[in-house]
């Protein structure tokens, strides 16, 4: 089946700017991937003046030739080539130092504290949105457009953040910390498009990234070896310690560093002779101790959230929550305020598995993102 490419009028509508776009200015965050490249193409086709901006987040030498990442090496060259093809301006800003401090070092510190980090959210909260928005405003832009698969919907009280039409591509979990002021300036043209159509647009525009693979890992851990990154930043994380039974306190074995474990993990414990499979049920970072126990100990009944954010009004109806990016939303009750950094509690209708401190809990009212926060503490079901 041939997928239709949006017309000029369609392209203009995707950016939700009133009136003709001739004479307007759109800044596009370009990572070098197919998604942001298509956003740049749609913006250029809309008639608006289009400027591509890329943040360089890695050291030039170390990043050279890195494939499938973002904002480094070949990806920056791909972004520049797309801009040249489209005939738009393109700027690269070096943010390697701030990215290392705000994202990479926090990632390592979370593992050292026995937590399960979500660095993509930290990146969106810092370099991706805060810094890029400031640059876009300095460039006199009418909006900042990104290649995220989410939808910006105008509701009764202003812009709302909704899940993408394609659930397999939805990235709303990673954007719950977007503020209302940021959402007023941001645009997400791909939220209503399936990925095959996005690739078809890239091919129709003659963009060499049309068939470029999607990044599957955290951008600064392209080989999936998280422990290696943590050891490089915080070598003390590789210090050995005990694996202890969570119920009996018996020492079951030794480990090579808590940075190799997250709550809910089964592989890697290398403990045999037990009456039932064992999972990581907790990490005592101060004692360098990994707690292991049966799966039933992983059931969580409630979680305490910190640094919460709210987007729009709280609904009168039911709420659901995602506690991992790939998890299905499950029914919850909100017990306390939400937003402004306040602490709050969420209570699960049934025991929920895979909930770990350091992850984010994102709240939804149907398709709308209500907000969320970082999981600071969990309580057993």
Protein backbone atom coordinates (compact mmCIF):
# COMPACT_ATOMS: atom_id res chain seq x y z
CA UNK A 1 0.00 0.00 0.00
CA UNK A 2 1.32 3.44 -0.93
CA UNK A 3 1.18 5.98 1.90
CA UNK A 4 0.18 9.51 1.00
CA UNK A 5 2.61 12.29 1.78
CA UNK A 6 1.02 15.31 3.54
CA UNK A 7 0.24 18.26 1.30
CA UNK A 8 1.40 21.81 1.94
CA UNK A 9 -1.83 22.52 3.84
CA UNK A 10 -1.42 19.33 5.88
CA UNK A 11 2.14 20.27 6.80
CA UNK A 12 1.04 23.68 8.02
CA UNK A 13 -1.71 22.18 10.16
CA UNK A 14 0.68 19.78 11.87
CA UNK A 15 2.46 22.72 13.55
CA UNK A 16 -0.70 24.20 15.10
CA UNK A 17 0.18 27.80 14.28
CA UNK A 18 -2.71 30.07 13.36
CA UNK A 19 -2.78 31.71 9.94
CA UNK A 20 -0.40 31.18 7.01
CA UNK A 21 3.10 30.07 7.96
CA UNK A 22 4.91 32.25 5.44
CA UNK A 23 6.91 34.68 7.53
CA UNK A 24 6.77 32.43 10.63
CA UNK A 25 9.85 30.74 12.05
CA UNK A 26 10.02 27.11 13.23
CA UNK A 27 13.05 25.70 15.03
CA UNK A 28 13.37 21.91 14.74
CA UNK A 29 15.37 19.78 17.19
CA UNK A 30 17.37 17.54 14.85
CA UNK A 31 19.06 14.45 16.29
CA UNK A 32 20.11 12.98 12.95
CA UNK A 33 17.42 10.29 12.96
CA UNK A 34 14.55 9.80 10.52
CA UNK A 35 11.87 11.21 12.84
CA UNK A 36 13.36 14.64 13.47
CA UNK A 37 14.50 14.81 9.84
CA UNK A 38 10.92 14.34 8.66
CA UNK A 39 9.74 17.04 11.06
CA UNK A 40 12.30 19.38 9.47
CA UNK A 41 11.02 18.42 6.01
CA UNK A 42 7.40 19.06 7.00
CA UNK A 43 8.35 22.41 8.52
CA UNK A 44 10.29 23.47 5.42
CA UNK A 45 7.39 22.43 3.18
CA UNK A 46 4.89 24.40 5.29
CA UNK A 47 6.28 27.72 4.04
CA UNK A 48 7.74 28.76 7.38
CA UNK A 49 11.38 29.71 7.76
CA UNK A 50 12.90 26.55 9.23
CA UNK A 51 16.04 26.30 11.35
CA UNK A 52 17.53 22.99 12.46
CA UNK A 53 19.30 22.83 15.82
CA UNK A 54 21.38 19.91 17.07
CA UNK A 55 22.86 19.53 20.54
CA UNK A 56 26.22 17.81 20.56
CA UNK A 57 26.11 15.70 23.71
CA UNK A 58 29.34 13.69 23.42
CA UNK A 59 33.02 14.31 23.01
CA UNK A 60 33.93 14.68 19.32
CA UNK A 61 36.57 11.94 19.34
CA UNK A 62 34.77 9.38 21.47
CA UNK A 63 31.54 9.83 19.54
CA UNK A 64 33.00 9.66 16.05
CA UNK A 65 31.47 6.85 14.07
CA UNK A 66 28.94 5.96 16.77
CA UNK A 67 25.90 4.40 15.13
CA UNK A 68 22.28 4.38 16.27
CA UNK A 69 22.82 6.89 19.05
CA UNK A 70 21.79 10.52 18.94
CA UNK A 71 23.41 13.92 18.93
CA UNK A 72 26.95 12.73 18.24
CA UNK A 73 29.37 11.69 15.51
CA UNK A 74 27.64 10.35 12.38
CA UNK A 75 24.26 11.51 13.65
CA UNK A 76 25.33 15.15 13.58
CA UNK A 77 26.65 14.68 10.07
CA UNK A 78 23.32 13.11 9.07
CA UNK A 79 21.41 16.07 10.52
CA UNK A 80 23.60 18.50 8.59
CA UNK A 81 23.13 16.53 5.36
CA UNK A 82 19.34 16.61 5.80
CA UNK A 83 19.42 20.36 6.42
CA UNK A 84 21.49 20.85 3.27
CA UNK A 85 19.05 18.72 1.28
CA UNK A 86 16.11 20.78 2.54
CA UNK A 87 17.91 24.10 2.10
CA UNK A 88 17.50 25.17 5.72
CA UNK A 89 19.92 26.64 8.23
CA UNK A 90 21.47 24.22 10.72
CA UNK A 91 23.31 24.97 13.94
CA UNK A 92 25.20 22.64 16.31
CA UNK A 93 25.62 23.62 19.96
CA UNK A 94 28.11 21.85 22.24
CA UNK A 95 26.32 20.66 25.38
CA UNK A 96 28.64 17.77 26.26
CA UNK A 97 29.60 19.13 29.70
CA UNK A 98 26.05 19.83 30.88
CA UNK A 99 24.81 16.50 29.48
CA UNK A 100 27.49 14.65 31.38
CA UNK A 101 26.65 16.45 34.63
CA UNK A 102 22.85 16.43 34.35
CA UNK A 103 22.29 13.04 32.73
CA UNK A 104 25.28 10.68 32.65
CA UNK A 105 26.54 11.35 36.19
CA UNK A 106 23.01 11.23 37.62
CA UNK A 107 22.56 7.91 35.80
CA UNK A 108 25.67 6.52 37.46
CA UNK A 109 24.76 7.92 40.87
CA UNK A 110 21.33 6.28 40.66
CA UNK A 111 22.87 2.86 40.08
CA UNK A 112 25.27 3.47 42.99
CA UNK A 113 22.24 4.21 45.19
CA UNK A 114 20.58 0.96 44.16
CA UNK A 115 17.99 2.68 42.00
CA UNK A 116 16.74 2.13 38.43
CA UNK A 117 17.30 5.37 36.46
CA UNK A 118 15.44 6.64 33.39
CA UNK A 119 18.01 8.98 31.79
CA UNK A 120 15.82 9.81 28.77
CA UNK A 121 13.42 11.68 31.07
CA UNK A 122 16.30 13.58 32.68
CA UNK A 123 17.54 14.52 29.23
CA UNK A 124 14.12 15.82 28.20
CA UNK A 125 13.84 17.78 31.46
CA UNK A 126 17.24 19.38 30.87
CA UNK A 127 19.18 19.62 27.60
CA UNK A 128 16.40 18.55 25.22
CA UNK A 129 13.64 20.92 26.33
CA UNK A 130 14.94 23.49 28.81
CA UNK A 131 18.08 24.34 26.82
CA UNK A 132 16.63 23.89 23.34
CA UNK A 133 13.56 25.96 24.19
CA UNK A 134 15.78 28.79 25.37
CA UNK A 135 17.78 28.61 22.12
CA UNK A 136 14.62 28.54 20.00
CA UNK A 137 13.28 31.63 21.72
CA UNK A 138 16.62 33.41 21.27
CA UNK A 139 16.36 32.59 17.56
CA UNK A 140 12.96 34.29 17.45
CA UNK A 141 11.03 31.08 16.78
CA UNK A 142 7.26 30.79 16.91
CA UNK A 143 7.62 27.20 18.16
CA UNK A 144 10.07 24.37 18.76
CA UNK A 145 9.18 21.15 16.92
CA UNK A 146 10.53 17.70 17.82
CA UNK A 147 10.21 14.17 16.45
CA UNK A 148 8.61 12.69 19.58
CA UNK A 149 5.61 10.44 19.09
CA UNK A 150 3.09 12.27 21.27
CA UNK A 151 0.18 14.56 20.50
CA UNK A 152 -0.42 18.15 21.56
CA UNK A 153 -4.20 18.60 21.78
CA UNK A 154 -5.93 21.92 22.48
CA UNK A 155 -8.34 21.38 25.35
CA UNK A 156 -10.78 23.62 27.19
CA UNK A 157 -7.99 24.99 29.41
CA UNK A 158 -5.18 25.09 26.84
CA UNK A 159 -2.71 22.63 25.31
CA UNK A 160 -2.78 19.06 26.61
CA UNK A 161 -0.28 16.22 26.16
CA UNK A 162 -1.81 13.03 24.75
CA UNK A 163 -0.47 9.64 23.80
CA UNK A 164 0.47 9.03 20.18
CA UNK A 165 -2.10 7.41 17.90
CA UNK A 166 0.30 4.52 17.33
CA UNK A 167 0.68 2.79 20.73
CA UNK A 168 3.81 0.98 19.57
CA UNK A 169 5.56 4.34 19.05
CA UNK A 170 4.10 6.33 21.95
CA UNK A 171 6.75 8.28 23.92
CA UNK A 172 4.48 10.08 26.39
CA UNK A 173 6.05 8.25 29.35
CA UNK A 174 9.30 10.12 28.73
CA UNK A 175 7.64 13.54 28.51
CA UNK A 176 5.48 13.63 31.66
CA UNK A 177 7.73 16.31 33.18
CA UNK A 178 6.94 18.77 30.37
CA UNK A 179 5.62 21.97 31.94
CA UNK A 180 2.52 23.79 30.74
CA UNK A 181 4.69 26.73 29.66
CA UNK A 182 6.92 24.40 27.61
CA UNK A 183 3.91 22.67 26.07
CA UNK A 184 2.59 26.03 24.93
CA UNK A 185 5.72 26.45 22.78
CA UNK A 186 6.36 22.84 21.73
CA UNK A 187 4.96 21.04 18.69
CA UNK A 188 4.92 17.29 17.93
CA UNK A 189 3.95 16.84 14.26
CA UNK A 190 4.44 13.05 14.23
CA UNK A 191 2.04 12.13 17.03
CA UNK A 192 -0.75 11.22 14.64
CA UNK A 193 1.38 9.38 12.07
CA UNK A 194 2.42 5.71 11.92
CA UNK A 195 6.14 5.06 11.55
CA UNK A 196 5.85 3.54 8.02
CA UNK A 197 4.32 6.81 6.80
CA UNK A 198 7.13 8.79 8.41
CA UNK A 199 9.68 6.69 6.54
CA UNK A 200 7.66 7.10 3.34
CA UNK A 201 7.81 10.89 3.72
CA UNK A 202 11.58 10.72 4.25
CA UNK A 203 11.96 8.64 1.09
CA UNK A 204 9.71 10.96 -0.91
CA UNK A 205 11.84 13.93 0.22
CA UNK A 206 15.02 12.16 -0.84
CA UNK A 207 16.47 12.06 2.68
CA UNK A 208 19.29 9.55 3.07
CA UNK A 209 18.12 8.73 6.62
CA UNK A 210 14.85 7.23 5.31
CA UNK A 211 15.99 3.69 6.13
CA UNK A 212 18.17 4.56 9.13
CA UNK A 213 17.50 2.13 12.03
CA UNK A 214 15.85 3.39 15.19
CA UNK A 215 18.01 3.68 18.29
CA UNK A 216 17.18 0.79 20.62
CA UNK A 217 19.32 1.64 23.63
CA UNK A 218 20.03 4.59 25.88
CA UNK A 219 21.93 6.94 23.59
CA UNK A 220 25.14 7.01 25.62
CA UNK A 221 25.04 3.22 26.15
CA UNK A 222 24.68 2.02 22.53
CA UNK A 223 26.03 -1.46 23.31
CA UNK A 224 23.67 -1.98 26.25
CA UNK A 225 26.51 -2.39 28.78
CA UNK A 226 25.24 -0.07 31.52
CA UNK A 227 27.73 -1.34 34.08
CA UNK A 228 30.67 -0.30 31.91
CA UNK A 229 29.41 3.27 31.76
CA UNK A 230 28.81 3.40 35.51
CA UNK A 231 32.26 1.97 36.26
CA UNK A 232 33.86 4.62 34.07
CA UNK A 233 32.06 7.42 35.93
CA UNK A 234 31.89 5.90 39.43
CA UNK A 235 34.48 3.08 39.79
CA UNK A 236 33.38 2.36 43.36
CA UNK A 237 30.16 0.87 42.00
CA UNK A 238 32.03 -2.31 41.05
CA UNK A 239 32.94 -3.21 44.65
CA UNK A 240 31.76 -6.75 45.53
CA UNK A 241 29.29 -7.68 48.26
CA UNK A 242 26.81 -10.25 49.53
CA UNK A 243 23.61 -11.62 48.02
CA UNK A 244 21.20 -12.13 50.93
CA UNK A 245 17.80 -13.83 51.11
CA UNK A 246 15.19 -11.10 51.61
CA UNK A 247 13.13 -13.15 54.10
CA UNK A 248 15.61 -15.29 56.02
CA UNK A 249 18.68 -13.06 55.89
CA UNK A 250 20.81 -16.03 54.86
CA UNK A 251 23.84 -15.25 52.72
CA UNK A 252 23.27 -16.93 49.36
CA UNK A 253 26.35 -15.84 47.49
CA UNK A 254 28.56 -12.96 46.37
CA UNK A 255 28.20 -10.38 43.61
CA UNK A 256 30.64 -8.22 41.63
CA UNK A 257 29.00 -4.87 42.29
CA UNK A 258 25.47 -3.57 42.86
CA UNK A 259 25.67 -1.71 39.54
CA UNK A 260 24.93 -5.05 37.85
CA UNK A 261 21.47 -5.34 39.45
CA UNK A 262 18.06 -3.69 39.41
CA UNK A 263 14.88 -4.55 41.31
CA UNK A 264 12.89 -7.28 39.55
CA UNK A 265 15.94 -8.79 37.82
CA UNK A 266 16.21 -12.58 37.70
CA UNK A 267 19.23 -13.26 35.52
CA UNK A 268 22.71 -12.73 36.89
CA UNK A 269 22.12 -13.88 40.47
CA UNK A 270 23.71 -17.26 39.66
CA UNK A 271 22.24 -18.93 42.74
CA UNK A 272 21.12 -22.54 42.47
CA UNK A 273 19.55 -25.09 44.77
CA UNK A 274 16.61 -22.91 45.81
CA UNK A 275 13.02 -24.25 46.09
CA UNK A 276 11.70 -21.47 43.82
CA UNK A 277 13.20 -18.93 41.40
CA UNK A 278 14.76 -15.88 43.04
CA UNK A 279 14.53 -12.26 41.92
CA UNK A 280 16.26 -9.08 43.05
CA UNK A 281 13.76 -7.65 45.54
CA UNK A 282 15.87 -4.80 46.89
CA UNK A 283 19.33 -3.28 47.01
CA UNK A 284 21.01 -2.08 50.21
CA UNK A 285 23.46 0.32 48.62
CA UNK A 286 25.14 1.39 51.86
CA UNK A 287 26.01 -2.22 52.73
CA UNK A 288 26.65 -3.19 49.08
CA UNK A 289 24.09 -5.95 49.61
CA UNK A 290 21.68 -7.39 47.03
CA UNK A 291 18.43 -8.80 48.44
CA UNK A 292 16.92 -11.78 46.65
CA UNK A 293 13.59 -13.50 47.16
CA UNK A 294 10.55 -15.12 45.52
CA UNK A 295 8.49 -13.19 42.96
CA UNK A 296 5.62 -12.54 45.39
CA UNK A 297 7.86 -10.11 47.29
CA UNK A 298 7.93 -7.86 44.21
CA UNK A 299 4.20 -7.06 44.39
CA UNK A 300 3.79 -3.34 45.18
CA UNK A 301 0.60 -1.84 46.61
CA UNK A 302 1.63 1.83 46.71
CA UNK A 303 4.46 4.15 45.76
CA UNK A 304 5.63 7.53 47.02
CA UNK A 305 6.42 9.99 44.25
CA UNK A 306 8.67 13.06 44.48
CA UNK A 307 9.37 16.02 42.17
CA UNK A 308 5.89 15.66 40.72
CA UNK A 309 4.60 17.57 37.70
CA UNK A 310 1.03 18.17 36.58
CA UNK A 311 -0.13 19.08 33.07
CA UNK A 312 -3.60 20.57 33.02
CA UNK A 313 -6.38 19.94 35.54
CA UNK A 314 -6.83 16.75 37.51
CA UNK A 315 -9.75 14.74 36.12
CA UNK A 316 -12.89 13.82 38.02
CA UNK A 317 -12.75 10.32 36.57
CA UNK A 318 -10.37 7.39 36.99
CA UNK A 319 -6.60 7.51 36.62
CA UNK A 320 -4.13 4.97 35.31
CA UNK A 321 -0.37 4.87 35.72
CA UNK A 322 2.62 3.50 33.82
CA UNK A 323 5.59 2.60 36.01
CA UNK A 324 7.87 1.56 33.14
CA UNK A 325 8.05 2.78 29.57
CA UNK A 326 6.84 -0.55 28.14
CA UNK A 327 4.30 -1.32 30.86
CA UNK A 328 0.56 -1.15 30.30
CA UNK A 329 -1.27 1.58 32.24
CA UNK A 330 -2.95 0.14 35.34
CA UNK A 331 -5.69 1.66 37.58
CA UNK A 332 -4.43 3.75 40.49
CA UNK A 333 -5.75 6.18 43.08
CA UNK A 334 -3.96 9.45 43.74
CA UNK A 335 -3.52 10.18 47.44
CA UNK A 336 -2.19 13.71 47.77
CA UNK A 337 -1.30 16.75 45.65
CA UNK A 338 0.25 16.51 42.21
CA UNK A 339 2.51 19.10 40.63
CA UNK A 340 4.84 21.87 41.67
CA UNK A 341 7.38 19.34 42.92
CA UNK A 342 5.09 18.14 45.74
CA UNK A 343 5.30 14.61 47.12
CA UNK A 344 2.32 12.36 46.62
CA UNK A 345 1.23 8.73 46.86
CA UNK A 346 -0.32 6.47 44.26
CA UNK A 347 -2.13 3.30 45.29
CA UNK A 348 -2.53 0.41 42.87
CA UNK A 349 -5.87 -1.33 42.50
CA UNK A 350 -3.94 -4.63 42.48
CA UNK A 351 -0.40 -5.57 43.38
CA UNK A 352 1.83 -4.24 40.60
CA UNK A 353 5.13 -5.85 39.60
CA UNK A 354 8.24 -4.21 38.22
CA UNK A 355 7.95 -1.04 40.31
CA UNK A 356 11.35 0.24 41.43
CA UNK A 357 12.71 3.39 43.08
CA UNK A 358 14.36 5.64 40.51
CA UNK A 359 11.81 4.94 37.80
CA UNK A 360 9.00 7.35 36.90
CA UNK A 361 5.29 6.83 37.44
CA UNK A 362 3.27 8.61 34.76
CA UNK A 363 -0.44 9.29 35.29
CA UNK A 364 -3.07 9.26 32.54
CA UNK A 365 -6.72 10.20 32.24
CA UNK A 366 -7.64 8.15 29.21
CA UNK A 367 -5.25 9.29 26.48
CA UNK A 368 -4.22 12.50 28.28
CA UNK A 369 -1.02 12.72 30.30
CA UNK A 370 -1.95 14.21 33.66
CA UNK A 371 1.61 14.28 35.01
CA UNK A 372 3.74 12.09 37.24
CA UNK A 373 6.83 11.93 39.37
CA UNK A 374 9.90 9.93 40.36
CA UNK A 375 9.31 6.80 42.44
CA UNK A 376 11.13 7.42 45.71
CA UNK A 377 9.78 4.53 47.78
CA UNK A 378 7.54 1.51 47.29
CA UNK A 379 5.27 -0.35 49.73
CA UNK A 380 4.39 -4.05 49.49
CA UNK A 381 0.95 -5.15 48.40
